[in-house]
């Protein structure tokens, strides 16, 4: 979509990586547990709804999170 292309362009202009390092699913989950957004042992994610619009939530599809981590890890 145009928003994804725009975000990629913004990342590139800021010299930010577009791909995550290959750390493994378990390592990502362990690191995510250390994040300040974890509450009561629940990982909360910052989900981008649109450019400039994000939400912090613990309500997300856990299976999709694992699938995503496996794909990038």
Protein backbone atom coordinates (compact mmCIF):
# COMPACT_ATOMS: atom_id res chain seq x y z
CA UNK A 1 0.00 0.00 0.00
CA UNK A 2 0.97 3.63 -0.20
CA UNK A 3 1.26 3.88 3.59
CA UNK A 4 3.76 1.00 3.71
CA UNK A 5 5.80 2.58 0.92
CA UNK A 6 5.70 5.91 2.77
CA UNK A 7 6.80 4.33 6.06
CA UNK A 8 9.62 2.46 4.29
CA UNK A 9 10.77 5.74 2.73
CA UNK A 10 10.69 7.43 6.15
CA UNK A 11 12.74 4.60 7.67
CA UNK A 12 15.26 4.77 4.84
CA UNK A 13 15.60 8.56 5.11
CA UNK A 14 16.26 8.18 8.85
CA UNK A 15 18.78 5.40 8.09
CA UNK A 16 16.73 2.89 10.11
CA UNK A 17 16.73 -0.82 9.23
CA UNK A 18 13.79 -2.24 7.29
CA UNK A 19 14.49 -5.82 8.39
CA UNK A 20 14.86 -7.26 11.87
CA UNK A 21 18.05 -9.13 12.83
CA UNK A 22 17.88 -12.95 12.80
CA UNK A 23 17.81 -13.72 16.54
CA UNK A 24 15.39 -16.65 16.75
CA UNK A 25 11.83 -16.74 18.03
CA UNK A 26 12.74 -17.64 21.63
CA UNK A 27 15.26 -14.77 21.85
CA UNK A 28 12.69 -12.28 20.55
CA UNK A 29 10.11 -13.49 23.08
CA UNK A 30 12.66 -13.27 25.90
CA UNK A 31 13.60 -9.73 24.88
CA UNK A 32 9.95 -8.73 24.56
CA UNK A 33 9.36 -9.93 28.16
CA UNK A 34 11.94 -7.34 29.31
CA UNK A 35 10.10 -4.46 27.65
CA UNK A 36 8.62 -1.73 29.85
CA UNK A 37 5.20 -2.26 28.26
CA UNK A 38 4.87 -5.75 29.80
CA UNK A 39 2.13 -5.66 32.45
CA UNK A 40 1.27 -8.58 34.74
CA UNK A 41 3.45 -10.85 32.60
CA UNK A 42 1.51 -9.94 29.45
CA UNK A 43 3.41 -8.65 26.44
CA UNK A 44 1.76 -5.49 25.16
CA UNK A 45 2.46 -4.43 21.61
CA UNK A 46 2.53 -1.05 19.92
CA UNK A 47 0.43 -1.62 16.82
CA UNK A 48 0.56 0.89 14.00
CA UNK A 49 -2.97 1.65 12.73
CA UNK A 50 -1.82 4.38 10.33
CA UNK A 51 1.04 6.83 10.10
CA UNK A 52 0.92 8.80 13.33
CA UNK A 53 -1.74 6.53 14.87
CA UNK A 54 -0.60 3.70 17.10
CA UNK A 55 -2.14 1.80 20.01
CA UNK A 56 -0.58 -0.12 22.89
CA UNK A 57 -2.50 -3.32 23.53
CA UNK A 58 -2.32 -6.81 24.99
CA UNK A 59 -5.24 -7.83 22.78
CA UNK A 60 -3.72 -9.39 19.68
CA UNK A 61 -3.61 -12.79 18.02
CA UNK A 62 -0.85 -14.67 19.87
CA UNK A 63 -0.61 -17.28 17.09
CA UNK A 64 -0.03 -14.54 14.51
CA UNK A 65 2.66 -13.01 16.72
CA UNK A 66 4.49 -16.35 16.87
CA UNK A 67 4.09 -16.84 13.11
CA UNK A 68 5.49 -13.37 12.50
CA UNK A 69 8.45 -13.96 14.81
CA UNK A 70 9.17 -17.30 13.14
CA UNK A 71 9.08 -15.62 9.72
CA UNK A 72 11.55 -12.87 10.66
CA UNK A 73 13.65 -14.69 13.24
